[in-house]
Amino acid sequence: MLSLMGMVIIGMLIGCGGGVDGSYVITEEQGFLEVAYSGNQPVYLIISDLPQTEVSTPAGSSVLGMASGTSSLTISVEGNDSLSFKTTTTDFKVLTVDSEGHINILTEYDKEPVKQKLVTVINNYNTAPAEDLGDYATDIRRLTGR
């Protein structure tokens, strides 16, 4: 089933450092989702209501290396908000960018269903049809209340 948001696959970014093996981006009509992973486990998720061209993400810029499972990463919206956050290989973060460019770390959501959906994205990104990726993005937004 095709998502209501008209999905386009952008591609995979590899080797973004910080305990991150790579990331996947699903672009929507008005925003995007970026899922960074280590192995098959999510490290962070960015849910943006702004287009990818307006948001600087860790995978889209140079990232600091990681010394013992933790890394400091930065997301920013030019001329607006910037937020540094720590990641670990055992606890993923969900960050949101609203349509006005404000960045927040999402804390109130049911983590396990979101993690399961992110693992599904990580495991199937390269082989899933665009419609499935669109459905995954819609499900992730619904599960996080976005």
N, C-alpha and C. Protein backbone atom coordinates (compact mmCIF):
# COMPACT_ATOMS: atom_id res chain seq x y z
N MET A 1 0.84 -1.17 0.00
CA MET A 1 0.00 0.00 0.00
C MET A 1 0.89 1.24 0.00
N LEU A 2 0.60 2.16 -0.86
CA LEU A 2 1.39 3.38 -0.98
C LEU A 2 1.04 4.34 0.14
N SER A 3 2.07 4.88 0.76
CA SER A 3 1.87 5.84 1.84
C SER A 3 1.22 7.11 1.29
N LEU A 4 0.51 7.80 2.14
CA LEU A 4 -0.10 9.06 1.75
C LEU A 4 0.91 10.15 1.50
N MET A 5 2.16 9.92 1.89
CA MET A 5 3.16 10.96 1.80
C MET A 5 4.02 10.88 0.55
N GLY A 6 3.73 10.05 -0.41
CA GLY A 6 4.48 9.98 -1.65
C GLY A 6 5.97 9.83 -1.44
N MET A 7 6.44 8.64 -1.24
CA MET A 7 7.81 8.40 -0.84
C MET A 7 8.77 8.34 -2.03
N VAL A 8 9.98 8.80 -1.77
CA VAL A 8 11.08 8.68 -2.71
C VAL A 8 12.28 8.20 -1.92
N ILE A 9 12.95 7.21 -2.42
CA ILE A 9 14.13 6.70 -1.73
C ILE A 9 15.33 7.56 -2.11
N ILE A 10 16.06 8.04 -1.11
CA ILE A 10 17.25 8.83 -1.38
C ILE A 10 18.49 7.97 -1.43
N GLY A 11 18.70 7.11 -0.45
CA GLY A 11 19.86 6.24 -0.50
C GLY A 11 20.50 6.02 0.83
N MET A 12 21.58 5.29 0.80
CA MET A 12 22.27 4.90 2.01
C MET A 12 23.56 5.70 2.13
N LEU A 13 23.84 6.18 3.33
CA LEU A 13 25.10 6.83 3.63
C LEU A 13 25.89 5.89 4.51
N ILE A 14 27.14 5.64 4.15
CA ILE A 14 27.93 4.65 4.88
C ILE A 14 29.05 5.32 5.64
N GLY A 15 29.38 4.72 6.79
CA GLY A 15 30.54 5.14 7.55
C GLY A 15 30.42 6.52 8.14
N CYS A 16 29.31 6.82 8.80
CA CYS A 16 29.19 8.15 9.39
C CYS A 16 29.79 8.22 10.78
N GLY A 17 30.49 7.20 11.22
CA GLY A 17 31.24 7.26 12.48
C GLY A 17 30.36 7.19 13.71
N GLY A 18 30.94 7.48 14.85
CA GLY A 18 30.19 7.54 16.09
C GLY A 18 29.48 6.25 16.43
N GLY A 19 30.09 5.10 16.17
CA GLY A 19 29.43 3.84 16.46
C GLY A 19 28.33 3.54 15.47
N VAL A 20 28.30 4.27 14.39
CA VAL A 20 27.28 4.13 13.37
C VAL A 20 27.90 3.46 12.15
N ASP A 21 27.31 2.34 11.73
CA ASP A 21 27.80 1.66 10.53
C ASP A 21 27.32 2.37 9.27
N GLY A 22 26.17 2.99 9.34
CA GLY A 22 25.61 3.68 8.19
C GLY A 22 24.25 4.23 8.53
N SER A 23 23.57 4.77 7.51
CA SER A 23 22.24 5.29 7.74
C SER A 23 21.42 5.17 6.47
N TYR A 24 20.12 5.18 6.66
CA TYR A 24 19.18 5.16 5.55
C TYR A 24 18.29 6.38 5.66
N VAL A 25 17.93 6.95 4.52
CA VAL A 25 17.04 8.10 4.50
C VAL A 25 15.83 7.77 3.65
N ILE A 26 14.66 8.06 4.20
CA ILE A 26 13.42 7.94 3.45
C ILE A 26 12.88 9.36 3.33
N THR A 27 12.79 9.85 2.10
CA THR A 27 12.32 11.21 1.87
C THR A 27 10.82 11.19 1.61
N GLU A 28 10.14 12.12 2.27
CA GLU A 28 8.71 12.25 2.11
C GLU A 28 8.42 13.55 1.36
N GLU A 29 7.17 13.79 1.04
CA GLU A 29 6.81 15.02 0.32
C GLU A 29 7.25 16.26 1.07
N GLN A 30 7.07 16.28 2.39
CA GLN A 30 7.36 17.48 3.17
C GLN A 30 8.50 17.30 4.16
N GLY A 31 9.12 16.16 4.24
CA GLY A 31 10.16 15.94 5.23
C GLY A 31 10.94 14.67 4.94
N PHE A 32 11.53 14.10 5.99
CA PHE A 32 12.31 12.88 5.80
C PHE A 32 12.50 12.18 7.13
N LEU A 33 12.91 10.93 7.05
CA LEU A 33 13.34 10.16 8.21
C LEU A 33 14.76 9.68 7.93
N GLU A 34 15.62 9.78 8.92
CA GLU A 34 16.98 9.27 8.82
C GLU A 34 17.17 8.26 9.94
N VAL A 35 17.52 7.04 9.57
CA VAL A 35 17.74 5.97 10.53
C VAL A 35 19.21 5.60 10.48
N ALA A 36 19.94 5.82 11.58
CA ALA A 36 21.33 5.39 11.65
C ALA A 36 21.38 4.09 12.43
N TYR A 37 22.32 3.23 12.05
CA TYR A 37 22.36 1.91 12.65
C TYR A 37 23.79 1.44 12.89
N SER A 38 23.90 0.47 13.81
CA SER A 38 25.13 -0.26 14.06
C SER A 38 24.75 -1.73 14.04
N GLY A 39 25.35 -2.47 13.13
CA GLY A 39 24.89 -3.85 12.92
C GLY A 39 23.47 -3.78 12.40
N ASN A 40 22.54 -4.42 13.09
CA ASN A 40 21.14 -4.28 12.70
C ASN A 40 20.33 -3.56 13.77
N GLN A 41 21.03 -2.80 14.64
CA GLN A 41 20.36 -2.08 15.72
C GLN A 41 20.35 -0.58 15.45
N PRO A 42 19.21 0.07 15.70
CA PRO A 42 19.15 1.53 15.50
C PRO A 42 20.02 2.26 16.51
N VAL A 43 20.66 3.34 16.08
CA VAL A 43 21.46 4.20 16.94
C VAL A 43 20.71 5.52 17.16
N TYR A 44 20.16 6.08 16.07
CA TYR A 44 19.29 7.24 16.21
C TYR A 44 18.30 7.26 15.05
N LEU A 45 17.21 8.00 15.29
CA LEU A 45 16.19 8.24 14.28
C LEU A 45 15.92 9.73 14.29
N ILE A 46 15.93 10.34 13.12
CA ILE A 46 15.52 11.73 12.98
C ILE A 46 14.23 11.74 12.17
N ILE A 47 13.21 12.38 12.72
CA ILE A 47 11.93 12.55 12.03
C ILE A 47 11.79 14.04 11.77
N SER A 48 11.88 14.43 10.51
CA SER A 48 11.86 15.85 10.17
C SER A 48 10.64 16.22 9.35
N ASP A 49 10.03 17.34 9.71
CA ASP A 49 8.94 17.90 8.93
C ASP A 49 9.47 18.89 7.89
N LEU A 50 10.78 19.15 7.92
CA LEU A 50 11.44 20.00 6.93
C LEU A 50 12.14 19.12 5.90
N PRO A 51 12.34 19.63 4.70
CA PRO A 51 13.10 18.86 3.70
C PRO A 51 14.53 18.62 4.14
N GLN A 52 15.12 17.59 3.61
CA GLN A 52 16.50 17.21 3.97
C GLN A 52 17.49 18.32 3.66
N THR A 53 17.22 19.13 2.66
CA THR A 53 18.14 20.21 2.29
C THR A 53 18.22 21.31 3.35
N GLU A 54 17.26 21.35 4.27
CA GLU A 54 17.23 22.39 5.29
C GLU A 54 17.77 21.94 6.65
N VAL A 55 18.11 20.65 6.77
CA VAL A 55 18.53 20.10 8.05
C VAL A 55 19.90 19.45 7.89
N SER A 56 20.83 19.84 8.74
CA SER A 56 22.15 19.20 8.76
C SER A 56 22.10 18.08 9.79
N THR A 57 22.28 16.86 9.32
CA THR A 57 22.22 15.69 10.20
C THR A 57 23.61 15.07 10.34
N PRO A 58 23.78 14.22 11.35
CA PRO A 58 25.09 13.57 11.53
C PRO A 58 25.54 12.80 10.29
N ALA A 59 24.64 12.10 9.63
CA ALA A 59 25.03 11.32 8.45
C ALA A 59 25.32 12.22 7.26
N GLY A 60 24.75 13.41 7.25
CA GLY A 60 24.95 14.33 6.15
C GLY A 60 26.15 15.24 6.33
N SER A 61 26.83 15.14 7.46
CA SER A 61 28.00 15.97 7.72
C SER A 61 29.09 15.12 8.36
N SER A 62 30.22 15.72 8.64
CA SER A 62 31.27 14.95 9.30
C SER A 62 30.86 14.67 10.74
N VAL A 63 31.20 13.50 11.20
CA VAL A 63 30.80 13.06 12.53
C VAL A 63 32.03 12.71 13.34
N LEU A 64 31.98 13.01 14.62
CA LEU A 64 33.09 12.67 15.51
C LEU A 64 33.19 11.17 15.70
N GLY A 65 34.38 10.65 15.82
CA GLY A 65 34.58 9.23 16.09
C GLY A 65 34.14 8.86 17.49
N MET A 66 34.01 7.60 17.73
CA MET A 66 33.52 7.15 19.02
C MET A 66 34.60 6.35 19.73
N ALA A 67 34.83 6.64 20.98
CA ALA A 67 35.77 5.89 21.83
C ALA A 67 35.14 4.81 22.65
N SER A 68 34.42 4.45 23.17
CA SER A 68 33.88 3.38 23.99
C SER A 68 32.37 3.30 23.89
N GLY A 69 31.85 3.25 22.71
CA GLY A 69 30.42 3.05 22.56
C GLY A 69 29.58 4.31 22.64
N THR A 70 30.20 5.48 22.85
CA THR A 70 29.41 6.70 22.95
C THR A 70 29.96 7.75 22.00
N SER A 71 29.07 8.53 21.44
CA SER A 71 29.50 9.57 20.52
C SER A 71 28.62 10.79 20.71
N SER A 72 29.18 11.96 20.47
CA SER A 72 28.40 13.19 20.47
C SER A 72 28.15 13.58 19.02
N LEU A 73 26.88 13.72 18.68
CA LEU A 73 26.48 14.05 17.32
C LEU A 73 25.68 15.34 17.35
N THR A 74 25.60 16.02 16.22
CA THR A 74 24.88 17.29 16.17
C THR A 74 23.92 17.29 14.99
N ILE A 75 22.74 17.83 15.24
CA ILE A 75 21.75 18.08 14.20
C ILE A 75 21.46 19.58 14.26
N SER A 76 21.30 20.21 13.10
CA SER A 76 21.01 21.64 13.11
C SER A 76 20.14 22.04 11.93
N VAL A 77 19.44 23.14 12.15
CA VAL A 77 18.64 23.77 11.10
C VAL A 77 19.23 25.16 10.94
N GLU A 78 19.75 25.45 9.75
CA GLU A 78 20.44 26.72 9.53
C GLU A 78 19.55 27.90 9.90
N GLY A 79 20.14 28.81 10.68
CA GLY A 79 19.43 30.01 11.08
C GLY A 79 18.39 29.78 12.15
N ASN A 80 18.36 28.57 12.72
CA ASN A 80 17.34 28.30 13.72
C ASN A 80 17.91 27.54 14.90
N ASP A 81 17.75 26.25 14.93
CA ASP A 81 18.04 25.45 16.10
C ASP A 81 19.21 24.50 15.83
N SER A 82 19.93 24.15 16.89
CA SER A 82 21.00 23.18 16.82
C SER A 82 20.96 22.37 18.11
N LEU A 83 21.24 21.08 18.02
CA LEU A 83 21.20 20.24 19.21
C LEU A 83 22.26 19.16 19.11
N SER A 84 23.10 19.07 20.13
CA SER A 84 24.06 17.97 20.21
C SER A 84 23.43 16.89 21.08
N PHE A 85 23.68 15.65 20.73
CA PHE A 85 23.13 14.55 21.50
C PHE A 85 24.13 13.42 21.53
N LYS A 86 24.03 12.61 22.56
CA LYS A 86 24.92 11.45 22.74
C LYS A 86 24.19 10.21 22.28
N THR A 87 24.91 9.32 21.67
CA THR A 87 24.35 8.02 21.29
C THR A 87 25.17 6.93 21.95
N THR A 88 24.54 5.81 22.12
CA THR A 88 25.25 4.61 22.55
C THR A 88 24.76 3.48 21.67
N THR A 89 25.50 2.42 21.65
CA THR A 89 25.09 1.29 20.82
C THR A 89 24.00 0.47 21.50
N THR A 90 23.60 0.84 22.71
CA THR A 90 22.57 0.08 23.41
C THR A 90 21.26 0.84 23.61
N ASP A 91 21.22 2.14 23.31
CA ASP A 91 20.01 2.92 23.54
C ASP A 91 19.87 3.98 22.46
N PHE A 92 18.96 3.76 21.51
CA PHE A 92 18.83 4.70 20.40
C PHE A 92 18.05 5.95 20.82
N LYS A 93 18.28 7.04 20.10
CA LYS A 93 17.60 8.31 20.34
C LYS A 93 16.65 8.60 19.17
N VAL A 94 15.54 9.26 19.50
CA VAL A 94 14.61 9.74 18.48
C VAL A 94 14.58 11.26 18.59
N LEU A 95 14.92 11.93 17.49
CA LEU A 95 14.92 13.39 17.45
C LEU A 95 13.89 13.84 16.42
N THR A 96 13.25 14.97 16.71
CA THR A 96 12.26 15.50 15.79
C THR A 96 12.64 16.92 15.38
N VAL A 97 12.29 17.26 14.15
CA VAL A 97 12.44 18.62 13.65
C VAL A 97 11.06 19.03 13.16
N ASP A 98 10.48 20.06 13.81
CA ASP A 98 9.14 20.48 13.38
C ASP A 98 9.24 21.40 12.18
N SER A 99 8.10 21.79 11.64
CA SER A 99 8.06 22.59 10.41
C SER A 99 8.64 23.99 10.59
N GLU A 100 8.83 24.42 11.84
CA GLU A 100 9.43 25.73 12.10
C GLU A 100 10.93 25.62 12.41
N GLY A 101 11.48 24.41 12.36
CA GLY A 101 12.91 24.21 12.55
C GLY A 101 13.35 23.97 13.98
N HIS A 102 12.41 23.72 14.88
CA HIS A 102 12.77 23.43 16.26
C HIS A 102 13.09 21.94 16.40
N ILE A 103 14.19 21.65 17.12
CA ILE A 103 14.66 20.28 17.28
C ILE A 103 14.41 19.83 18.71
N ASN A 104 13.90 18.63 18.86
CA ASN A 104 13.66 18.07 20.19
C ASN A 104 14.06 16.60 20.23
N ILE A 105 14.42 16.13 21.42
CA ILE A 105 14.62 14.70 21.64
C ILE A 105 13.29 14.17 22.15
N LEU A 106 12.75 13.21 21.46
CA LEU A 106 11.46 12.63 21.81
C LEU A 106 11.67 11.63 22.95
N THR A 107 10.89 11.76 24.00
CA THR A 107 11.04 10.86 25.15
C THR A 107 9.77 10.09 25.45
N GLU A 108 8.62 10.60 25.05
CA GLU A 108 7.36 9.95 25.41
C GLU A 108 6.77 9.22 24.21
N TYR A 109 7.15 7.97 24.09
CA TYR A 109 6.63 7.08 23.07
C TYR A 109 6.94 5.66 23.52
N ASP A 110 6.26 4.71 22.94
CA ASP A 110 6.48 3.30 23.28
C ASP A 110 7.69 2.81 22.49
N LYS A 111 8.82 2.69 23.15
CA LYS A 111 10.10 2.46 22.50
C LYS A 111 10.19 1.12 21.74
N GLU A 112 9.66 0.05 22.30
CA GLU A 112 9.85 -1.27 21.68
C GLU A 112 9.22 -1.39 20.29
N PRO A 113 7.96 -0.96 20.08
CA PRO A 113 7.41 -1.04 18.71
C PRO A 113 8.19 -0.18 17.71
N VAL A 114 8.68 0.98 18.16
CA VAL A 114 9.48 1.83 17.28
C VAL A 114 10.78 1.12 16.93
N LYS A 115 11.43 0.54 17.93
CA LYS A 115 12.68 -0.18 17.68
C LYS A 115 12.45 -1.33 16.70
N GLN A 116 11.38 -2.08 16.89
CA GLN A 116 11.07 -3.20 15.99
C GLN A 116 10.88 -2.71 14.56
N LYS A 117 10.18 -1.58 14.38
CA LYS A 117 9.95 -1.03 13.04
C LYS A 117 11.28 -0.55 12.44
N LEU A 118 12.14 0.06 13.25
CA LEU A 118 13.44 0.50 12.75
C LEU A 118 14.32 -0.67 12.34
N VAL A 119 14.29 -1.75 13.09
CA VAL A 119 15.04 -2.96 12.72
C VAL A 119 14.51 -3.50 11.40
N THR A 120 13.20 -3.43 11.20
CA THR A 120 12.60 -3.85 9.93
C THR A 120 13.13 -2.99 8.79
N VAL A 121 13.19 -1.69 8.99
CA VAL A 121 13.73 -0.79 7.97
C VAL A 121 15.19 -1.15 7.68
N ILE A 122 15.99 -1.31 8.73
CA ILE A 122 17.42 -1.62 8.57
C ILE A 122 17.61 -2.92 7.81
N ASN A 123 16.83 -3.93 8.15
CA ASN A 123 16.98 -5.24 7.52
C ASN A 123 16.44 -5.31 6.10
N ASN A 124 15.51 -4.42 5.74
CA ASN A 124 14.84 -4.53 4.45
C ASN A 124 15.05 -3.36 3.51
N TYR A 125 15.77 -2.34 3.92
CA TYR A 125 15.88 -1.11 3.14
C TYR A 125 16.34 -1.36 1.70
N ASN A 126 17.35 -2.19 1.53
CA ASN A 126 17.93 -2.39 0.20
C ASN A 126 17.07 -3.24 -0.73
N THR A 127 16.11 -3.97 -0.18
CA THR A 127 15.30 -4.85 -1.01
C THR A 127 13.82 -4.50 -1.03
N ALA A 128 13.38 -3.65 -0.13
CA ALA A 128 11.95 -3.32 -0.04
C ALA A 128 11.55 -2.37 -1.17
N PRO A 129 10.35 -2.57 -1.71
CA PRO A 129 9.84 -1.61 -2.69
C PRO A 129 9.57 -0.26 -2.02
N ALA A 130 9.54 0.80 -2.80
CA ALA A 130 9.32 2.14 -2.28
C ALA A 130 8.02 2.23 -1.48
N GLU A 131 7.00 1.50 -1.90
CA GLU A 131 5.72 1.52 -1.19
C GLU A 131 5.88 1.01 0.24
N ASP A 132 6.67 -0.06 0.42
CA ASP A 132 6.90 -0.60 1.76
C ASP A 132 7.66 0.40 2.62
N LEU A 133 8.68 1.04 2.04
CA LEU A 133 9.44 2.04 2.80
C LEU A 133 8.52 3.20 3.20
N GLY A 134 7.65 3.59 2.32
CA GLY A 134 6.68 4.63 2.64
C GLY A 134 5.77 4.21 3.78
N ASP A 135 5.34 2.96 3.76
CA ASP A 135 4.50 2.45 4.84
C ASP A 135 5.28 2.40 6.16
N TYR A 136 6.56 2.01 6.10
CA TYR A 136 7.39 1.98 7.30
C TYR A 136 7.47 3.40 7.90
N ALA A 137 7.72 4.38 7.05
CA ALA A 137 7.84 5.77 7.52
C ALA A 137 6.52 6.23 8.15
N THR A 138 5.42 5.91 7.52
CA THR A 138 4.11 6.27 8.08
C THR A 138 3.90 5.60 9.42
N ASP A 139 4.25 4.31 9.52
CA ASP A 139 4.11 3.59 10.79
C ASP A 139 4.99 4.21 11.87
N ILE A 140 6.22 4.57 11.53
CA ILE A 140 7.13 5.16 12.51
C ILE A 140 6.58 6.49 13.01
N ARG A 141 6.08 7.31 12.10
CA ARG A 141 5.48 8.59 12.53
C ARG A 141 4.29 8.34 13.45
N ARG A 142 3.46 7.37 13.11
CA ARG A 142 2.29 7.06 13.94
C ARG A 142 2.72 6.56 15.31
N LEU A 143 3.69 5.65 15.35
CA LEU A 143 4.15 5.07 16.62
C LEU A 143 4.81 6.12 17.54
N THR A 144 5.36 7.16 16.95
CA THR A 144 6.01 8.20 17.75
C THR A 144 5.09 9.41 17.97
N GLY A 145 3.89 9.34 17.46
CA GLY A 145 2.96 10.46 17.62
C GLY A 145 3.27 11.64 16.75
N ARG A 146 4.00 11.44 15.67
CA ARG A 146 4.39 12.52 14.76
C ARG A 146 3.53 12.50 13.54
